[in-house]
N, C-alpha and C. Protein backbone atom coordinates (compact mmCIF):
# COMPACT_ATOMS: atom_id res chain seq x y z
N UNK A 1 104.04 67.84 167.19
CA UNK A 1 105.08 68.79 167.53
C UNK A 1 105.91 68.27 168.69
N UNK A 2 105.43 68.38 169.90
CA UNK A 2 106.14 67.87 171.08
C UNK A 2 105.13 67.77 172.22
N UNK A 3 105.51 67.07 173.27
CA UNK A 3 104.62 66.98 174.41
C UNK A 3 104.76 68.25 175.26
N UNK A 4 103.76 68.48 176.07
CA UNK A 4 103.80 69.63 176.97
C UNK A 4 105.00 69.53 177.90
N UNK A 5 105.23 68.36 178.48
CA UNK A 5 106.35 68.17 179.39
C UNK A 5 107.69 68.43 178.71
N UNK A 6 107.81 67.99 177.48
CA UNK A 6 109.05 68.20 176.72
C UNK A 6 109.30 69.69 176.50
N UNK A 7 108.24 70.43 176.15
CA UNK A 7 108.40 71.87 175.92
C UNK A 7 108.67 72.61 177.23
N UNK A 8 108.03 72.20 178.31
CA UNK A 8 108.26 72.83 179.61
C UNK A 8 109.72 72.66 180.01
N UNK A 9 110.22 71.44 179.91
CA UNK A 9 111.61 71.21 180.29
C UNK A 9 112.55 72.03 179.42
N UNK A 10 112.30 72.06 178.12
CA UNK A 10 113.15 72.81 177.21
C UNK A 10 113.12 74.30 177.55
N UNK A 11 111.93 74.87 177.76
CA UNK A 11 111.81 76.30 178.05
C UNK A 11 112.46 76.66 179.38
N UNK A 12 112.41 75.76 180.33
CA UNK A 12 113.06 76.02 181.62
C UNK A 12 114.57 76.10 181.45
N UNK A 13 115.12 75.28 180.57
CA UNK A 13 116.56 75.27 180.32
C UNK A 13 116.99 76.34 179.32
N UNK A 14 116.10 76.70 178.38
CA UNK A 14 116.40 77.65 177.30
C UNK A 14 115.26 78.66 177.16
N UNK A 15 115.14 79.61 178.07
CA UNK A 15 113.97 80.49 178.09
C UNK A 15 114.03 81.62 177.04
N UNK A 16 114.09 81.25 175.78
CA UNK A 16 114.05 82.29 174.74
C UNK A 16 113.17 81.83 173.59
N UNK A 17 112.51 82.78 172.97
CA UNK A 17 111.64 82.50 171.85
C UNK A 17 112.42 81.92 170.68
N UNK A 18 113.59 82.46 170.42
CA UNK A 18 114.42 81.97 169.30
C UNK A 18 114.79 80.51 169.52
N UNK A 19 115.18 80.15 170.73
CA UNK A 19 115.52 78.75 171.02
C UNK A 19 114.31 77.84 170.81
N UNK A 20 113.15 78.30 171.26
CA UNK A 20 111.93 77.52 171.10
C UNK A 20 111.61 77.32 169.62
N UNK A 21 111.69 78.39 168.85
CA UNK A 21 111.41 78.30 167.41
C UNK A 21 112.40 77.36 166.74
N UNK A 22 113.67 77.50 167.06
CA UNK A 22 114.68 76.63 166.46
C UNK A 22 114.47 75.17 166.80
N UNK A 23 114.09 74.89 168.03
CA UNK A 23 113.95 73.49 168.47
C UNK A 23 112.64 72.85 168.01
N UNK A 24 111.53 73.59 168.14
CA UNK A 24 110.23 72.96 167.89
C UNK A 24 109.56 73.40 166.60
N UNK A 25 109.48 74.68 166.35
CA UNK A 25 108.74 75.17 165.20
C UNK A 25 109.45 74.81 163.89
N UNK A 26 110.75 75.06 163.82
CA UNK A 26 111.47 74.76 162.59
C UNK A 26 111.41 73.27 162.23
N UNK A 27 111.60 72.42 163.23
CA UNK A 27 111.54 70.98 162.94
C UNK A 27 110.13 70.55 162.56
N UNK A 28 109.12 71.18 163.15
CA UNK A 28 107.74 70.86 162.80
C UNK A 28 107.46 71.24 161.35
N UNK A 29 107.86 72.43 160.95
CA UNK A 29 107.65 72.88 159.57
C UNK A 29 108.44 72.00 158.59
N UNK A 30 109.67 71.69 158.94
CA UNK A 30 110.49 70.81 158.12
C UNK A 30 109.80 69.45 157.94
N UNK A 31 109.29 68.91 159.03
CA UNK A 31 108.62 67.61 158.99
C UNK A 31 107.38 67.67 158.10
N UNK A 32 106.60 68.74 158.21
CA UNK A 32 105.42 68.88 157.35
C UNK A 32 105.81 68.91 155.88
N UNK A 33 106.82 69.68 155.57
CA UNK A 33 107.28 69.80 154.18
C UNK A 33 107.79 68.45 153.67
N UNK A 34 108.59 67.77 154.49
CA UNK A 34 109.13 66.46 154.11
C UNK A 34 108.00 65.47 153.85
N UNK A 35 107.03 65.45 154.79
CA UNK A 35 105.91 64.51 154.63
C UNK A 35 105.11 64.82 153.37
N UNK A 36 104.90 66.09 153.08
CA UNK A 36 104.17 66.50 151.88
C UNK A 36 104.87 65.97 150.62
N UNK A 37 106.19 66.01 150.61
CA UNK A 37 106.95 65.58 149.43
C UNK A 37 107.12 64.07 149.34
N UNK A 38 107.42 63.41 150.49
CA UNK A 38 107.81 62.00 150.45
C UNK A 38 106.85 61.03 151.14
N UNK A 39 105.83 61.55 151.77
CA UNK A 39 104.82 60.74 152.47
C UNK A 39 105.40 59.84 153.57
N UNK A 40 106.51 60.26 154.14
CA UNK A 40 107.10 59.60 155.31
C UNK A 40 107.58 60.71 156.25
N UNK A 41 107.91 60.33 157.46
CA UNK A 41 108.42 61.30 158.42
C UNK A 41 109.94 61.20 158.50
N UNK A 42 110.65 62.32 158.45
CA UNK A 42 112.11 62.27 158.42
C UNK A 42 112.75 61.79 159.71
N UNK A 43 112.09 61.95 160.84
CA UNK A 43 112.68 61.59 162.13
C UNK A 43 111.93 60.45 162.79
N UNK A 44 111.10 59.77 162.03
CA UNK A 44 110.23 58.76 162.61
C UNK A 44 108.97 59.46 163.08
N UNK A 45 107.97 58.72 163.41
CA UNK A 45 106.70 59.33 163.79
C UNK A 45 106.33 58.92 165.19
N UNK A 46 106.15 59.91 166.04
CA UNK A 46 105.62 59.65 167.36
C UNK A 46 104.11 59.51 167.19
N UNK A 47 103.52 58.58 167.87
CA UNK A 47 102.08 58.38 167.74
C UNK A 47 101.34 59.64 168.15
N UNK A 48 100.08 59.73 167.73
CA UNK A 48 99.27 60.89 168.03
C UNK A 48 98.46 60.65 169.30
N UNK A 49 97.94 61.74 169.87
CA UNK A 49 97.12 61.65 171.07
C UNK A 49 97.91 61.22 172.29
N UNK A 50 97.24 60.56 173.21
CA UNK A 50 97.87 60.20 174.47
C UNK A 50 99.03 59.24 174.27
N UNK A 51 98.98 58.41 173.23
CA UNK A 51 100.07 57.45 173.00
C UNK A 51 101.39 58.17 172.69
N UNK A 52 101.32 59.23 171.92
CA UNK A 52 102.53 60.01 171.62
C UNK A 52 103.04 60.74 172.84
N UNK A 53 102.11 61.25 173.65
CA UNK A 53 102.51 61.96 174.86
C UNK A 53 103.17 61.03 175.86
N UNK A 54 102.56 59.89 176.10
CA UNK A 54 103.14 58.97 177.08
C UNK A 54 104.47 58.39 176.56
N UNK A 55 104.62 58.31 175.26
CA UNK A 55 105.86 57.84 174.66
C UNK A 55 107.05 58.68 175.10
N UNK A 56 106.87 59.99 175.19
CA UNK A 56 107.95 60.87 175.65
C UNK A 56 108.40 60.49 177.06
N UNK A 57 107.44 60.31 177.95
CA UNK A 57 107.77 60.02 179.35
C UNK A 57 108.36 58.62 179.51
N UNK A 58 107.84 57.66 178.77
CA UNK A 58 108.32 56.29 178.91
C UNK A 58 109.67 56.09 178.23
N UNK A 59 109.85 56.66 177.05
CA UNK A 59 111.09 56.44 176.29
C UNK A 59 112.15 57.50 176.56
N UNK A 60 111.79 58.77 176.42
CA UNK A 60 112.80 59.82 176.56
C UNK A 60 113.23 60.00 178.02
N UNK A 61 112.27 59.91 178.95
CA UNK A 61 112.62 60.05 180.36
C UNK A 61 112.89 58.70 181.03
N UNK A 62 112.71 57.63 180.28
CA UNK A 62 112.98 56.27 180.76
C UNK A 62 112.21 55.93 182.04
N UNK A 63 110.91 56.18 182.00
CA UNK A 63 110.03 55.86 183.11
C UNK A 63 109.09 54.73 182.71
N UNK A 64 108.60 53.99 183.69
CA UNK A 64 107.52 53.04 183.46
C UNK A 64 106.21 53.80 183.64
N UNK A 65 105.09 53.18 183.26
CA UNK A 65 103.80 53.85 183.46
C UNK A 65 103.56 54.12 184.94
N UNK A 66 103.93 53.18 185.79
CA UNK A 66 103.78 53.36 187.23
C UNK A 66 104.62 54.53 187.74
N UNK A 67 105.83 54.65 187.26
CA UNK A 67 106.70 55.76 187.66
C UNK A 67 106.17 57.09 187.14
N UNK A 68 105.61 57.09 185.93
CA UNK A 68 104.99 58.30 185.38
C UNK A 68 103.83 58.73 186.28
N UNK A 69 103.01 57.78 186.69
CA UNK A 69 101.88 58.10 187.57
C UNK A 69 102.36 58.68 188.90
N UNK A 70 103.49 58.17 189.43
CA UNK A 70 104.06 58.73 190.65
C UNK A 70 104.52 60.16 190.42
N UNK A 71 105.08 60.42 189.24
CA UNK A 71 105.51 61.77 188.90
C UNK A 71 104.30 62.72 188.85
N UNK A 72 103.23 62.28 188.23
CA UNK A 72 102.01 63.09 188.15
C UNK A 72 101.46 63.37 189.55
N UNK A 73 101.40 62.36 190.39
CA UNK A 73 100.90 62.51 191.76
C UNK A 73 101.76 63.51 192.52
N UNK A 74 103.09 63.39 192.35
CA UNK A 74 104.02 64.28 193.03
C UNK A 74 103.78 65.74 192.61
N UNK A 75 103.57 65.95 191.32
CA UNK A 75 103.34 67.31 190.81
C UNK A 75 101.97 67.82 191.25
N UNK A 76 100.96 66.99 191.14
CA UNK A 76 99.60 67.38 191.54
C UNK A 76 99.54 67.82 192.99
N UNK A 77 100.26 67.11 193.85
CA UNK A 77 100.19 67.37 195.29
C UNK A 77 101.38 68.14 195.85
N UNK A 78 102.22 68.70 194.97
CA UNK A 78 103.41 69.46 195.39
C UNK A 78 104.24 68.66 196.41
N UNK A 79 104.51 67.41 196.10
CA UNK A 79 105.23 66.53 197.02
C UNK A 79 106.70 66.34 196.65
N UNK A 80 107.28 67.28 195.94
CA UNK A 80 108.70 67.17 195.58
C UNK A 80 109.55 67.30 196.83
N UNK A 81 110.40 66.33 197.05
CA UNK A 81 111.38 66.35 198.13
C UNK A 81 112.69 65.88 197.52
N UNK A 82 113.60 66.80 197.25
CA UNK A 82 114.83 66.49 196.52
C UNK A 82 115.71 65.45 197.17
N UNK A 83 115.60 65.28 198.47
CA UNK A 83 116.46 64.33 199.18
C UNK A 83 115.95 62.89 199.12
N UNK A 84 114.72 62.69 198.67
CA UNK A 84 114.18 61.33 198.59
C UNK A 84 114.73 60.62 197.36
N UNK A 85 114.62 59.32 197.36
CA UNK A 85 115.08 58.54 196.21
C UNK A 85 114.18 58.81 195.01
N UNK A 86 114.78 58.81 193.83
CA UNK A 86 114.07 59.13 192.61
C UNK A 86 112.99 58.09 192.31
N UNK A 87 111.95 58.55 191.65
CA UNK A 87 110.83 57.68 191.26
C UNK A 87 111.24 56.59 190.28
N UNK A 88 112.37 56.79 189.58
CA UNK A 88 112.79 55.83 188.55
C UNK A 88 113.58 54.65 189.12
N UNK A 89 113.81 54.66 190.42
CA UNK A 89 114.54 53.58 191.10
C UNK A 89 116.01 53.50 190.69
N UNK A 90 116.60 54.63 190.30
CA UNK A 90 118.01 54.65 189.90
C UNK A 90 118.94 54.56 191.11
N UNK A 91 118.39 54.81 192.31
CA UNK A 91 119.21 54.86 193.51
C UNK A 91 119.74 56.26 193.80
N UNK A 92 119.51 57.18 192.87
CA UNK A 92 119.94 58.57 193.06
C UNK A 92 118.86 59.34 193.80
N UNK A 93 119.26 60.45 194.40
CA UNK A 93 118.27 61.35 195.00
C UNK A 93 117.50 62.02 193.88
N UNK A 94 116.25 62.34 194.16
CA UNK A 94 115.37 62.94 193.17
C UNK A 94 116.00 64.19 192.55
N UNK A 95 116.62 65.05 193.36
CA UNK A 95 117.20 66.29 192.85
C UNK A 95 118.33 66.04 191.86
N UNK A 96 118.96 64.87 191.92
CA UNK A 96 120.07 64.53 191.02
C UNK A 96 119.63 63.65 189.86
N UNK A 97 118.34 63.47 189.70
CA UNK A 97 117.85 62.58 188.65
C UNK A 97 116.65 63.24 187.95
N UNK A 98 115.45 62.73 188.14
CA UNK A 98 114.26 63.27 187.47
C UNK A 98 113.73 64.56 188.10
N UNK A 99 114.31 64.98 189.18
CA UNK A 99 113.90 66.24 189.79
C UNK A 99 114.06 67.42 188.86
N UNK A 100 115.02 67.35 187.94
CA UNK A 100 115.22 68.45 186.99
C UNK A 100 114.03 68.60 186.05
N UNK A 101 113.20 67.58 185.91
CA UNK A 101 111.98 67.67 185.12
C UNK A 101 110.79 68.08 185.98
N UNK A 102 110.78 67.59 187.20
CA UNK A 102 109.62 67.77 188.08
C UNK A 102 109.59 69.15 188.75
N UNK A 103 110.69 69.59 189.31
CA UNK A 103 110.72 70.83 190.08
C UNK A 103 110.28 72.06 189.28
N UNK A 104 110.74 72.25 188.04
CA UNK A 104 110.28 73.44 187.29
C UNK A 104 108.77 73.45 187.08
N UNK A 105 108.17 72.28 186.96
CA UNK A 105 106.71 72.21 186.77
C UNK A 105 106.00 72.61 188.06
N UNK A 106 106.47 72.11 189.18
CA UNK A 106 105.85 72.43 190.47
C UNK A 106 105.98 73.93 190.78
N UNK A 107 107.10 74.52 190.43
CA UNK A 107 107.37 75.92 190.77
C UNK A 107 106.60 76.93 189.92
N UNK A 108 106.07 76.52 188.76
CA UNK A 108 105.43 77.45 187.84
C UNK A 108 103.97 77.03 187.65
N UNK A 109 103.03 77.88 188.08
CA UNK A 109 101.61 77.53 188.01
C UNK A 109 101.13 77.24 186.59
N UNK A 110 101.60 78.01 185.61
CA UNK A 110 101.19 77.77 184.23
C UNK A 110 101.72 76.42 183.74
N UNK A 111 103.00 76.14 184.00
CA UNK A 111 103.57 74.84 183.61
C UNK A 111 102.78 73.71 184.27
N UNK A 112 102.48 73.91 185.55
CA UNK A 112 101.78 72.86 186.29
C UNK A 112 100.40 72.59 185.70
N UNK A 113 99.66 73.64 185.42
CA UNK A 113 98.32 73.46 184.82
C UNK A 113 98.41 72.74 183.47
N UNK A 114 99.36 73.16 182.63
CA UNK A 114 99.52 72.54 181.31
C UNK A 114 99.94 71.07 181.44
N UNK A 115 100.89 70.80 182.34
CA UNK A 115 101.35 69.43 182.55
C UNK A 115 100.20 68.55 183.04
N UNK A 116 99.44 69.04 184.02
CA UNK A 116 98.35 68.24 184.58
C UNK A 116 97.23 68.03 183.56
N UNK A 117 97.00 68.99 182.69
CA UNK A 117 96.01 68.81 181.62
C UNK A 117 96.46 67.69 180.69
N UNK A 118 97.75 67.72 180.32
CA UNK A 118 98.28 66.66 179.47
C UNK A 118 98.21 65.31 180.20
N UNK A 119 98.56 65.30 181.48
CA UNK A 119 98.53 64.06 182.27
C UNK A 119 97.12 63.49 182.33
N UNK A 120 96.14 64.37 182.50
CA UNK A 120 94.74 63.93 182.52
C UNK A 120 94.40 63.22 181.21
N UNK A 121 94.79 63.83 180.08
CA UNK A 121 94.50 63.21 178.78
C UNK A 121 95.23 61.88 178.62
N UNK A 122 96.44 61.80 179.12
CA UNK A 122 97.19 60.54 179.04
C UNK A 122 96.51 59.48 179.90
N UNK A 123 96.20 59.84 181.12
CA UNK A 123 95.69 58.85 182.08
C UNK A 123 94.28 58.38 181.76
N UNK A 124 93.50 59.21 181.10
CA UNK A 124 92.17 58.75 180.70
C UNK A 124 92.17 58.28 179.25
N UNK A 125 93.36 58.23 178.66
CA UNK A 125 93.55 57.77 177.29
C UNK A 125 92.65 58.55 176.32
N UNK A 126 92.82 59.87 176.33
CA UNK A 126 92.09 60.78 175.45
C UNK A 126 90.57 60.64 175.56
N UNK A 127 90.09 60.41 176.76
CA UNK A 127 88.65 60.37 176.98
C UNK A 127 88.05 58.98 176.92
N UNK A 128 88.82 57.99 176.57
CA UNK A 128 88.28 56.65 176.40
C UNK A 128 87.97 55.97 177.72
N UNK A 129 88.52 56.46 178.84
CA UNK A 129 88.25 55.84 180.13
C UNK A 129 87.25 56.64 180.96
N UNK A 130 86.65 57.63 180.37
CA UNK A 130 85.69 58.46 181.10
C UNK A 130 84.32 57.81 180.99
N UNK A 131 83.66 57.65 182.12
CA UNK A 131 82.32 57.10 182.14
C UNK A 131 81.37 58.12 181.51
N UNK A 132 80.62 57.70 180.53
CA UNK A 132 79.66 58.58 179.87
C UNK A 132 78.29 58.38 180.51
N UNK A 133 77.61 59.47 180.79
CA UNK A 133 76.26 59.38 181.36
C UNK A 133 75.28 59.10 180.24
N UNK A 134 74.31 58.31 180.52
CA UNK A 134 73.28 57.98 179.53
C UNK A 134 72.43 59.21 179.28
N UNK A 135 72.04 59.41 178.04
CA UNK A 135 71.19 60.55 177.68
C UNK A 135 69.73 60.19 177.74
N UNK A 136 69.40 59.00 178.21
CA UNK A 136 68.00 58.56 178.28
C UNK A 136 67.29 59.21 179.41
């Protein structure tokens, strides 16, 4: 469907159920129907799991993995400062660049929890980097 961050940004800009349905649900249903008929995806296929999630941040937001990690740290620690230079190294102030993605997440506890849950899954690569305790 979409990443948590993508939906958060969209809902912050378009806070209506109808807009959400039109943007995400309708395209999801259309894609399912298309795939059922033609066995391909009409809009291309974003990878599943953490790879699909990180793809949004790296490609759509044009961040590197290092810059994404800085964004996560900033959100986790409420370190948004609009006057500082943006994490993407564009030379713009954060408030005039990626701040439009970061600030709404920091300001809303539900968005923040959902974003950090997604970030955890991305950063541990869907559980593959978690140390497992021996059952012996």
